[in-house]
PDB file of N, CA and C in Angstrom:
ATOM      1  N   MET A   1      23.837  -8.354   6.694  1.00  0.00           N
ATOM      2  CA  MET A   1      22.611  -7.602   6.486  1.00  0.00           C
ATOM      3  C   MET A   1      22.132  -7.865   5.059  1.00  0.00           C
ATOM      4  N   GLU A   2      20.831  -7.804   4.904  1.00  0.00           N
ATOM      5  CA  GLU A   2      20.217  -8.087   3.615  1.00  0.00           C
ATOM      6  C   GLU A   2      19.423  -6.863   3.156  1.00  0.00           C
ATOM      7  N   THR A   3      19.594  -6.491   1.893  1.00  0.00           N
ATOM      8  CA  THR A   3      18.866  -5.356   1.341  1.00  0.00           C
ATOM      9  C   THR A   3      17.414  -5.741   1.096  1.00  0.00           C
ATOM     10  N   VAL A   4      16.500  -4.914   1.620  1.00  0.00           N
ATOM     11  CA  VAL A   4      15.076  -5.172   1.417  1.00  0.00           C
ATOM     12  C   VAL A   4      14.392  -4.061   0.624  1.00  0.00           C
ATOM     13  N   PHE A   5      15.105  -2.946   0.411  1.00  0.00           N
ATOM     14  CA  PHE A   5      14.505  -1.833  -0.333  1.00  0.00           C
ATOM     15  C   PHE A   5      15.597  -0.987  -0.956  1.00  0.00           C
ATOM     16  N   HIS A   6      15.450  -0.704  -2.250  1.00  0.00           N
ATOM     17  CA  HIS A   6      16.324   0.245  -2.947  1.00  0.00           C
ATOM     18  C   HIS A   6      15.550   1.552  -3.066  1.00  0.00           C
ATOM     19  N   ALA A   7      16.096   2.618  -2.519  1.00  0.00           N
ATOM     20  CA  ALA A   7      15.390   3.902  -2.481  1.00  0.00           C
ATOM     21  C   ALA A   7      15.917   4.855  -3.534  1.00  0.00           C
ATOM     22  N   ALA A   8      15.012   5.614  -4.122  1.00  0.00           N
ATOM     23  CA  ALA A   8      15.394   6.635  -5.092  1.00  0.00           C
ATOM     24  C   ALA A   8      15.992   7.852  -4.386  1.00  0.00           C
ATOM     25  N   THR A   9      15.501   8.129  -3.174  1.00  0.00           N
ATOM     26  CA  THR A   9      15.989   9.274  -2.406  1.00  0.00           C
ATOM     27  C   THR A   9      16.165   8.867  -0.945  1.00  0.00           C
ATOM     28  N   SER A  10      16.891   9.670  -0.211  1.00  0.00           N
ATOM     29  CA  SER A  10      17.067   9.373   1.206  1.00  0.00           C
ATOM     30  C   SER A  10      15.739   9.525   1.952  1.00  0.00           C
ATOM     31  N   LEU A  11      14.857  10.394   1.475  1.00  0.00           N
ATOM     32  CA  LEU A  11      13.542  10.540   2.092  1.00  0.00           C
ATOM     33  C   LEU A  11      12.772   9.221   2.019  1.00  0.00           C
ATOM     34  N   ASP A  12      12.775   8.576   0.850  1.00  0.00           N
ATOM     35  CA  ASP A  12      12.112   7.279   0.712  1.00  0.00           C
ATOM     36  C   ASP A  12      12.712   6.259   1.683  1.00  0.00           C
ATOM     37  N   ALA A  13      14.019   6.248   1.781  1.00  0.00           N
ATOM     38  CA  ALA A  13      14.686   5.305   2.673  1.00  0.00           C
ATOM     39  C   ALA A  13      14.274   5.533   4.119  1.00  0.00           C
ATOM     40  N   HIS A  14      14.189   6.785   4.525  1.00  0.00           N
ATOM     41  CA  HIS A  14      13.811   7.076   5.910  1.00  0.00           C
ATOM     42  C   HIS A  14      12.342   6.747   6.174  1.00  0.00           C
ATOM     43  N   LEU A  15      11.482   6.928   5.167  1.00  0.00           N
ATOM     44  CA  LEU A  15      10.082   6.527   5.320  1.00  0.00           C
ATOM     45  C   LEU A  15       9.979   5.021   5.557  1.00  0.00           C
ATOM     46  N   VAL A  16      10.699   4.250   4.748  1.00  0.00           N
ATOM     47  CA  VAL A  16      10.682   2.793   4.901  1.00  0.00           C
ATOM     48  C   VAL A  16      11.275   2.396   6.242  1.00  0.00           C
ATOM     49  N   GLN A  17      12.344   3.046   6.635  1.00  0.00           N
ATOM     50  CA  GLN A  17      12.948   2.731   7.922  1.00  0.00           C
ATOM     51  C   GLN A  17      11.958   2.990   9.065  1.00  0.00           C
ATOM     52  N   GLN A  18      11.182   4.064   8.981  1.00  0.00           N
ATOM     53  CA  GLN A  18      10.163   4.352   9.997  1.00  0.00           C
ATOM     54  C   GLN A  18       9.090   3.263  10.032  1.00  0.00           C
ATOM     55  N   LEU A  19       8.656   2.822   8.840  1.00  0.00           N
ATOM     56  CA  LEU A  19       7.666   1.744   8.774  1.00  0.00           C
ATOM     57  C   LEU A  19       8.187   0.479   9.446  1.00  0.00           C
ATOM     58  N   LEU A  20       9.424   0.138   9.142  1.00  0.00           N
ATOM     59  CA  LEU A  20      10.018  -1.058   9.728  1.00  0.00           C
ATOM     60  C   LEU A  20      10.169  -0.912  11.232  1.00  0.00           C
ATOM     61  N   GLU A  21      10.563   0.262  11.672  1.00  0.00           N
ATOM     62  CA  GLU A  21      10.721   0.505  13.107  1.00  0.00           C
ATOM     63  C   GLU A  21       9.383   0.321  13.826  1.00  0.00           C
ATOM     64  N   ARG A  22       8.310   0.829  13.230  1.00  0.00           N
ATOM     65  CA  ARG A  22       6.971   0.667  13.828  1.00  0.00           C
ATOM     66  C   ARG A  22       6.570  -0.800  13.905  1.00  0.00           C
ATOM     67  N   ALA A  23       7.070  -1.603  12.962  1.00  0.00           N
ATOM     68  CA  ALA A  23       6.777  -3.037  12.954  1.00  0.00           C
ATOM     69  C   ALA A  23       7.732  -3.819  13.854  1.00  0.00           C
ATOM     70  N   GLY A  24       8.654  -3.119  14.510  1.00  0.00           N
ATOM     71  CA  GLY A  24       9.587  -3.772  15.412  1.00  0.00           C
ATOM     72  C   GLY A  24      10.766  -4.427  14.712  1.00  0.00           C
ATOM     73  N   ILE A  25      11.055  -3.965  13.500  1.00  0.00           N
ATOM     74  CA  ILE A  25      12.152  -4.540  12.723  1.00  0.00           C
ATOM     75  C   ILE A  25      13.301  -3.540  12.675  1.00  0.00           C
ATOM     76  N   PRO A  26      14.437  -3.854  13.294  1.00  0.00           N
ATOM     77  CA  PRO A  26      15.579  -2.947  13.228  1.00  0.00           C
ATOM     78  C   PRO A  26      16.158  -2.920  11.809  1.00  0.00           C
ATOM     79  N   SER A  27      16.561  -1.740  11.375  1.00  0.00           N
ATOM     80  CA  SER A  27      17.122  -1.609  10.026  1.00  0.00           C
ATOM     81  C   SER A  27      18.173  -0.516  10.007  1.00  0.00           C
ATOM     82  N   ARG A  28      18.882  -0.457   8.885  1.00  0.00           N
ATOM     83  CA  ARG A  28      19.838   0.634   8.696  1.00  0.00           C
ATOM     84  C   ARG A  28      19.804   1.053   7.233  1.00  0.00           C
ATOM     85  N   ILE A  29      20.240   2.274   7.004  1.00  0.00           N
ATOM     86  CA  ILE A  29      20.287   2.826   5.650  1.00  0.00           C
ATOM     87  C   ILE A  29      21.741   2.886   5.227  1.00  0.00           C
ATOM     88  N   ASP A  30      22.032   2.303   4.085  1.00  0.00           N
ATOM     89  CA  ASP A  30      23.390   2.341   3.520  1.00  0.00           C
ATOM     90  C   ASP A  30      23.384   3.153   2.237  1.00  0.00           C
ATOM     91  N   GLY A  31      24.467   3.867   1.995  1.00  0.00           N
ATOM     92  CA  GLY A  31      24.642   4.585   0.742  1.00  0.00           C
ATOM     93  C   GLY A  31      23.994   5.947   0.686  1.00  0.00           C
ATOM     94  N   GLU A  32      23.442   6.387   1.776  1.00  0.00           N
ATOM     95  CA  GLU A  32      22.722   7.661   1.795  1.00  0.00           C
ATOM     96  C   GLU A  32      23.594   8.838   1.384  1.00  0.00           C
ATOM     97  N   PHE A  33      24.839   8.822   1.766  1.00  0.00           N
ATOM     98  CA  PHE A  33      25.707   9.957   1.505  1.00  0.00           C
ATOM     99  C   PHE A  33      26.522   9.800   0.227  1.00  0.00           C
ATOM    100  N   LEU A  34      26.325   8.710  -0.503  1.00  0.00           N
ATOM    101  CA  LEU A  34      27.036   8.507  -1.767  1.00  0.00           C
ATOM    102  C   LEU A  34      26.463   9.343  -2.901  1.00  0.00           C
ATOM    103  N   GLN A  35      25.219   9.791  -2.761  1.00  0.00           N
ATOM    104  CA  GLN A  35      24.600  10.588  -3.811  1.00  0.00           C
ATOM    105  C   GLN A  35      25.396  11.847  -4.104  1.00  0.00           C
ATOM    106  N   GLY A  36      25.934  12.483  -3.082  1.00  0.00           N
ATOM    107  CA  GLY A  36      26.691  13.717  -3.270  1.00  0.00           C
ATOM    108  C   GLY A  36      27.959  13.504  -4.064  1.00  0.00           C
ATOM    109  N   GLY A  37      28.540  12.324  -4.003  1.00  0.00           N
ATOM    110  CA  GLY A  37      29.763  12.034  -4.721  1.00  0.00           C
ATOM    111  C   GLY A  37      29.557  11.724  -6.190  1.00  0.00           C
ATOM    112  N   ALA A  38      28.305  11.550  -6.597  1.00  0.00           N
ATOM    113  CA  ALA A  38      28.026  11.195  -7.982  1.00  0.00           C
ATOM    114  C   ALA A  38      28.069  12.400  -8.908  1.00  0.00           C
ATOM    115  N   GLY A  39      28.017  13.602  -8.362  1.00  0.00           N
ATOM    116  CA  GLY A  39      28.061  14.805  -9.191  1.00  0.00           C
ATOM    117  C   GLY A  39      26.838  14.907 -10.080  1.00  0.00           C
ATOM    118  N   GLU A  40      27.071  15.149 -11.370  1.00  0.00           N
ATOM    119  CA  GLU A  40      25.984  15.316 -12.324  1.00  0.00           C
ATOM    120  C   GLU A  40      25.434  13.983 -12.834  1.00  0.00           C
ATOM    121  N   LEU A  41      26.127  12.908 -12.584  1.00  0.00           N
ATOM    122  CA  LEU A  41      25.673  11.616 -13.077  1.00  0.00           C
ATOM    123  C   LEU A  41      24.472  11.133 -12.268  1.00  0.00           C
ATOM    124  N   PRO A  42      23.506  10.502 -12.917  1.00  0.00           N
ATOM    125  CA  PRO A  42      22.359  10.000 -12.155  1.00  0.00           C
ATOM    126  C   PRO A  42      22.732   8.754 -11.367  1.00  0.00           C
ATOM    127  N   PRO A  43      22.742   8.847 -10.061  1.00  0.00           N
ATOM    128  CA  PRO A  43      23.070   7.675  -9.260  1.00  0.00           C
ATOM    129  C   PRO A  43      21.914   6.688  -9.272  1.00  0.00           C
ATOM    130  N   GLY A  44      22.225   5.427  -9.332  1.00  0.00           N
ATOM    131  CA  GLY A  44      21.172   4.429  -9.339  1.00  0.00           C
ATOM    132  C   GLY A  44      21.360   3.412  -8.239  1.00  0.00           C
ATOM    133  N   ASN A  45      20.323   3.188  -7.490  1.00  0.00           N
ATOM    134  CA  ASN A  45      20.317   2.167  -6.440  1.00  0.00           C
ATOM    135  C   ASN A  45      21.448   2.309  -5.426  1.00  0.00           C
ATOM    136  N   LEU A  46      21.816   3.522  -5.118  1.00  0.00           N
ATOM    137  CA  LEU A  46      22.876   3.717  -4.133  1.00  0.00           C
ATOM    138  C   LEU A  46      22.353   3.631  -2.707  1.00  0.00           C
ATOM    139  N   ILE A  47      21.113   4.015  -2.501  1.00  0.00           N
ATOM    140  CA  ILE A  47      20.552   4.053  -1.158  1.00  0.00           C
ATOM    141  C   ILE A  47      19.748   2.778  -0.924  1.00  0.00           C
ATOM    142  N   ARG A  48      20.120   2.068   0.119  1.00  0.00           N
ATOM    143  CA  ARG A  48      19.480   0.787   0.412  1.00  0.00           C
ATOM    144  C   ARG A  48      19.066   0.726   1.879  1.00  0.00           C
ATOM    145  N   VAL A  49      17.919   0.119   2.108  1.00  0.00           N
ATOM    146  CA  VAL A  49      17.488  -0.171   3.478  1.00  0.00           C
ATOM    147  C   VAL A  49      17.799  -1.640   3.709  1.00  0.00           C
ATOM    148  N   ARG A  50      18.510  -1.908   4.799  1.00  0.00           N
ATOM    149  CA  ARG A  50      18.974  -3.278   5.062  1.00  0.00           C
ATOM    150  C   ARG A  50      18.533  -3.729   6.448  1.00  0.00           C
ATOM    151  N   VAL A  51      18.280  -5.031   6.538  1.00  0.00           N
ATOM    152  CA  VAL A  51      17.890  -5.651   7.814  1.00  0.00           C
ATOM    153  C   VAL A  51      18.689  -6.939   7.994  1.00  0.00           C
ATOM    154  N   GLU A  52      18.645  -7.473   9.191  1.00  0.00           N
ATOM    155  CA  GLU A  52      19.267  -8.770   9.448  1.00  0.00           C
ATOM    156  C   GLU A  52      18.484  -9.834   8.677  1.00  0.00           C
ATOM    157  N   PRO A  53      19.163 -10.868   8.193  1.00  0.00           N
ATOM    158  CA  PRO A  53      18.492 -11.891   7.373  1.00  0.00           C
ATOM    159  C   PRO A  53      17.242 -12.501   8.012  1.00  0.00           C
ATOM    160  N   GLU A  54      17.235 -12.663   9.320  1.00  0.00           N
ATOM    161  CA  GLU A  54      16.065 -13.269   9.960  1.00  0.00           C
ATOM    162  C   GLU A  54      14.828 -12.373   9.936  1.00  0.00           C
ATOM    163  N   HIS A  55      15.006 -11.084   9.620  1.00  0.00           N
ATOM    164  CA  HIS A  55      13.881 -10.139   9.533  1.00  0.00           C
ATOM    165  C   HIS A  55      13.510  -9.800   8.091  1.00  0.00           C
ATOM    166  N   ALA A  56      14.234 -10.328   7.119  1.00  0.00           N
ATOM    167  CA  ALA A  56      14.056  -9.920   5.725  1.00  0.00           C
ATOM    168  C   ALA A  56      12.657 -10.209   5.181  1.00  0.00           C
ATOM    169  N   ALA A  57      12.141 -11.396   5.409  1.00  0.00           N
ATOM    170  CA  ALA A  57      10.817 -11.742   4.865  1.00  0.00           C
ATOM    171  C   ALA A  57       9.732 -10.846   5.455  1.00  0.00           C
ATOM    172  N   GLU A  58       9.774 -10.646   6.758  1.00  0.00           N
ATOM    173  CA  GLU A  58       8.780  -9.784   7.408  1.00  0.00           C
ATOM    174  C   GLU A  58       8.916  -8.342   6.919  1.00  0.00           C
ATOM    175  N   ALA A  59      10.142  -7.869   6.772  1.00  0.00           N
ATOM    176  CA  ALA A  59      10.374  -6.506   6.293  1.00  0.00           C
ATOM    177  C   ALA A  59       9.827  -6.328   4.881  1.00  0.00           C
ATOM    178  N   ARG A  60      10.060  -7.301   4.017  1.00  0.00           N
ATOM    179  CA  ARG A  60       9.545  -7.208   2.646  1.00  0.00           C
ATOM    180  C   ARG A  60       8.019  -7.180   2.627  1.00  0.00           C
ATOM    181  N   GLU A  61       7.392  -7.905   3.524  1.00  0.00           N
ATOM    182  CA  GLU A  61       5.925  -7.895   3.596  1.00  0.00           C
ATOM    183  C   GLU A  61       5.416  -6.527   4.043  1.00  0.00           C
ATOM    184  N   VAL A  62       6.058  -5.934   5.044  1.00  0.00           N
ATOM    185  CA  VAL A  62       5.678  -4.597   5.504  1.00  0.00           C
ATOM    186  C   VAL A  62       5.823  -3.600   4.355  1.00  0.00           C
ATOM    187  N   ILE A  63       6.922  -3.673   3.638  1.00  0.00           N
ATOM    188  CA  ILE A  63       7.165  -2.759   2.513  1.00  0.00           C
ATOM    189  C   ILE A  63       6.136  -2.986   1.410  1.00  0.00           C
ATOM    190  N   ALA A  64       5.818  -4.231   1.117  1.00  0.00           N
ATOM    191  CA  ALA A  64       4.824  -4.539   0.083  1.00  0.00           C
ATOM    192  C   ALA A  64       3.451  -3.981   0.458  1.00  0.00           C
ATOM    193  N   GLU A  65       3.054  -4.115   1.718  1.00  0.00           N
ATOM    194  CA  GLU A  65       1.782  -3.555   2.176  1.00  0.00           C
ATOM    195  C   GLU A  65       1.765  -2.045   1.996  1.00  0.00           C
ATOM    196  N   TRP A  66       2.855  -1.394   2.336  1.00  0.00           N
ATOM    197  CA  TRP A  66       2.966   0.056   2.190  1.00  0.00           C
ATOM    198  C   TRP A  66       2.877   0.451   0.721  1.00  0.00           C
ATOM    199  N   GLU A  67       3.558  -0.281  -0.150  1.00  0.00           N
ATOM    200  CA  GLU A  67       3.534   0.041  -1.583  1.00  0.00           C
ATOM    201  C   GLU A  67       2.143  -0.171  -2.178  1.00  0.00           C
ATOM    202  N   ARG A  68       1.359  -1.111  -1.641  1.00  0.00           N
ATOM    203  CA  ARG A  68      -0.007  -1.346  -2.123  1.00  0.00           C
ATOM    204  C   ARG A  68      -0.976  -0.322  -1.528  1.00  0.00           C
ATOM    205  N   GLY A  69      -0.497   0.511  -0.623  1.00  0.00           N
ATOM    206  CA  GLY A  69      -1.363   1.518   0.001  1.00  0.00           C
ATOM    207  C   GLY A  69      -2.173   0.982   1.157  1.00  0.00           C
ATOM    208  N   GLN A  70      -1.830  -0.190   1.647  1.00  0.00           N
ATOM    209  CA  GLN A  70      -2.562  -0.793   2.751  1.00  0.00           C
ATOM    210  C   GLN A  70      -1.984  -0.438   4.108  1.00  0.00           C
ATOM    211  N   LEU A  71      -0.888   0.281   4.095  1.00  0.00           N
ATOM    212  CA  LEU A  71      -0.210   0.644   5.339  1.00  0.00           C
ATOM    213  C   LEU A  71       0.221   2.093   5.217  1.00  0.00           C
ATOM    214  N   THR A  72      -0.057   2.900   6.242  1.00  0.00           N
ATOM    215  CA  THR A  72       0.328   4.305   6.205  1.00  0.00           C
ATOM    216  C   THR A  72       1.169   4.635   7.428  1.00  0.00           C
ATOM    217  N   LEU A  73       1.873   5.738   7.330  1.00  0.00           N
ATOM    218  CA  LEU A  73       2.672   6.210   8.466  1.00  0.00           C
ATOM    219  C   LEU A  73       1.821   6.856   9.500  1.00  0.00           C
TER     220      LEU A  73
END
């Protein structure tokens, strides 16, 4: 699996996962539950949205469109 998005929160990760699902791209979220183990320390880049390598380019394009505001949920 290839990481296509680093999320600040699990909410962001789930939003991206929904966008990818609507585009027909299967994905998974890794690291979602690691935030609780960090305690008071600021966790960085623990939550990742990952796809199979053959879907990575298309997934990045979907995410880029969403970040530019050209794609909404």
